[in-house]
Each structure stands twice: as structure tokens, then as C-alpha cells.
Protein backbone atom coordinates (compact mmCIF):
# COMPACT_ATOMS: atom_id res chain seq x y z
CA MET A 1 -10.72 16.94 21.44
CA LYS A 2 -12.36 19.41 23.85
CA LYS A 3 -13.72 18.84 27.10
CA PRO A 4 -17.18 17.01 27.38
CA GLU A 5 -18.95 20.20 28.91
CA GLU A 6 -17.69 22.53 26.12
CA PHE A 7 -18.20 19.79 23.55
CA LYS A 8 -21.67 19.68 24.95
CA ARG A 9 -22.29 23.37 24.96
CA GLU A 10 -21.24 24.15 21.50
CA ARG A 11 -23.49 20.85 20.31
CA ASN A 12 -26.09 22.69 21.70
CA TYR A 13 -25.63 26.01 19.69
CA LEU A 14 -24.41 24.67 16.51
CA ASN A 15 -27.66 22.05 16.51
CA GLU A 16 -30.13 25.50 17.46
CA LEU A 17 -28.68 27.08 14.67
CA VAL A 18 -28.66 24.59 12.16
CA LEU A 19 -32.07 24.18 12.75
CA LYS A 20 -33.06 27.93 12.57
CA TYR A 21 -31.96 27.76 8.88
CA SER A 22 -33.29 23.83 7.83
CA ASN A 23 -35.50 23.16 5.65
CA LEU A 24 -38.01 19.79 5.91
CA ASN A 25 -35.17 17.82 4.21
CA THR A 26 -32.86 18.89 7.08
CA LYS A 27 -35.43 18.57 9.57
CA ARG A 28 -36.44 14.89 8.19
CA PHE A 29 -32.29 13.61 8.59
CA TYR A 30 -31.60 14.95 11.68
CA ASN A 31 -35.19 13.20 12.74
CA LEU A 32 -33.86 9.83 11.11
CA ASP A 33 -30.24 10.14 13.09
CA ASN A 34 -32.41 11.09 16.25
CA SER A 35 -35.01 7.77 15.97
CA VAL A 36 -32.46 5.39 14.78
CA TYR A 37 -30.81 5.39 18.10
CA LYS A 38 -33.75 5.08 20.23
CA GLU A 39 -34.98 1.48 22.47
CA GLY A 40 -35.66 -1.40 19.67
CA ALA A 41 -35.13 -4.77 18.94
CA ILE A 42 -31.13 -4.11 19.67
CA PRO A 43 -30.90 -1.73 23.31
CA VAL A 44 -29.29 1.52 23.04
CA LYS A 45 -26.75 1.02 25.04
CA TYR A 46 -25.44 -1.39 21.73
CA LYS A 47 -26.49 1.21 19.43
CA GLU A 48 -24.56 3.30 20.87
CA LEU A 49 -21.55 1.58 20.94
CA MET A 50 -21.69 0.71 17.57
CA GLY A 51 -22.16 4.24 16.33
CA LEU A 52 -18.90 4.84 18.42
CA VAL A 53 -17.22 2.44 16.16
CA GLY A 54 -18.75 3.51 12.51
CA SER A 55 -17.36 7.06 14.08
CA MET A 56 -13.82 5.76 15.05
CA VAL A 57 -13.65 3.71 11.93
CA LEU A 58 -14.52 7.07 9.75
CA ARG A 59 -12.34 9.58 11.82
CA CYS A 60 -15.53 11.80 13.15
CA ASP A 61 -14.11 13.22 16.27
CA GLU A 62 -16.91 15.06 16.78
CA CYS A 63 -19.29 11.96 16.21
CA ILE A 64 -16.82 9.84 18.44
CA MET A 65 -17.24 12.34 21.02
CA TYR A 66 -21.25 12.42 20.95
CA HIS A 67 -21.51 8.81 21.24
CA LEU A 68 -18.77 8.37 23.86
CA MET A 69 -21.32 10.93 25.88
CA ARG A 70 -23.92 8.76 24.86
CA CYS A 71 -22.24 5.54 26.37
CA PHE A 72 -21.85 6.95 29.26
CA GLU A 73 -25.00 8.51 29.52
CA GLU A 74 -26.16 4.41 29.04
CA ASN A 75 -23.79 3.18 32.01
CA VAL A 76 -21.27 1.58 29.37
CA ASN A 77 -18.42 1.01 31.72
CA ASP A 78 -15.13 1.00 30.21
CA ASP A 79 -14.17 -2.25 29.59
CA GLU A 80 -17.05 -2.55 26.82
CA VAL A 81 -15.67 1.00 25.27
CA ILE A 82 -12.55 -0.40 25.06
CA GLU A 83 -13.88 -3.95 23.24
CA ALA A 84 -15.95 -1.46 20.91
CA MET A 85 -12.68 1.00 20.14
CA ASN A 86 -10.69 -2.14 19.65
CA ILE A 87 -13.28 -3.21 17.49
CA SER A 88 -12.94 0.17 15.37
CA LEU A 89 -9.21 -0.19 15.09
CA ILE A 90 -9.21 -3.66 13.58
CA ILE A 91 -12.05 -2.44 11.00
CA GLY A 92 -10.32 0.84 10.37
CA GLY A 93 -6.97 -0.30 10.48
CA SER A 94 -3.52 2.19 11.71
CA ILE A 95 -5.59 5.49 11.00
CA VAL A 96 -8.09 5.26 13.54
CA ILE A 97 -5.34 4.87 16.21
CA PRO A 98 -4.97 8.79 16.78
CA HIS A 99 -9.00 9.21 17.18
CA HIS A 100 -8.80 6.27 19.67
CA ARG A 101 -5.57 7.83 21.52
CA LYS A 102 -8.25 11.02 21.50
CA ALA A 103 -11.43 9.08 22.22
CA VAL A 104 -9.29 6.97 25.65
CA GLU A 105 -8.50 10.64 26.74
CA PHE A 106 -11.94 12.21 25.85
CA TRP A 107 -13.69 8.94 28.15
CA GLU A 108 -11.49 9.94 30.74
CA ASN A 109 -12.56 13.12 31.23
CA LEU A 110 -15.94 12.25 31.27
CA LYS A 111 -16.00 10.29 34.26
CA LYS A 112 -14.16 13.38 35.98
CA GLU A 113 -16.49 15.92 34.28
CA LEU A 114 -19.73 14.71 34.72
């Protein structure tokens, strides 16, 4: 996995590029994606943990990195992240293990870098 700052820079650049060429449908989808993670009946912290679990089960490394960064920003602690990752292992099975390894490394790098 990429280093946190490298991932953040690349993600911002690619989002700007996508939005440059986006039509209304794409912009609406991006807006909806952003909106569902805002504070509501479920606190943001827990929404990001749910996003992390879903991303691990779907095996999307970029999504995992994004949700780990957001979890870090929302002051999720090590125990909470590990419990969420354990849920993803149970739901997704052994195929999630390589992503689990990378996610733990990225979490460690987040704590060092940011």
C-alpha cells in the first residue's frame, strides 16, 4: 500500500481530474457518497468503521486506505480498528487476509506520518 501522504495527494489529484470531466450524474454520485458519511443518527466515527469493513470485504485497497485515514481523523483507536478488521475477516473470509495485512501496515504508517 502507498504511504498516507502519497495516497492523499494522488486521491485529491484524481478527484479533481474526474470532476473536471464529470457530468451531473457523476457529481450527484460523488455528492451522495460524501453525504452518507456525515454526522447523523450514527456518529461519523462509526460510519467510517462501517466503510472500512465494507471496503475490506470488497477488497478495495484504495477504499481501505481512505477509510483508515478517516478513522484516524475521527480519533478511532487501535482496538476499535482491529475489532472492525476482525469483523471484515469473519464476513469476507480468508480472502480478506492479504488486505488485512496491508491495512494494518497502513494504519501503522498513519500513526507515524500524520
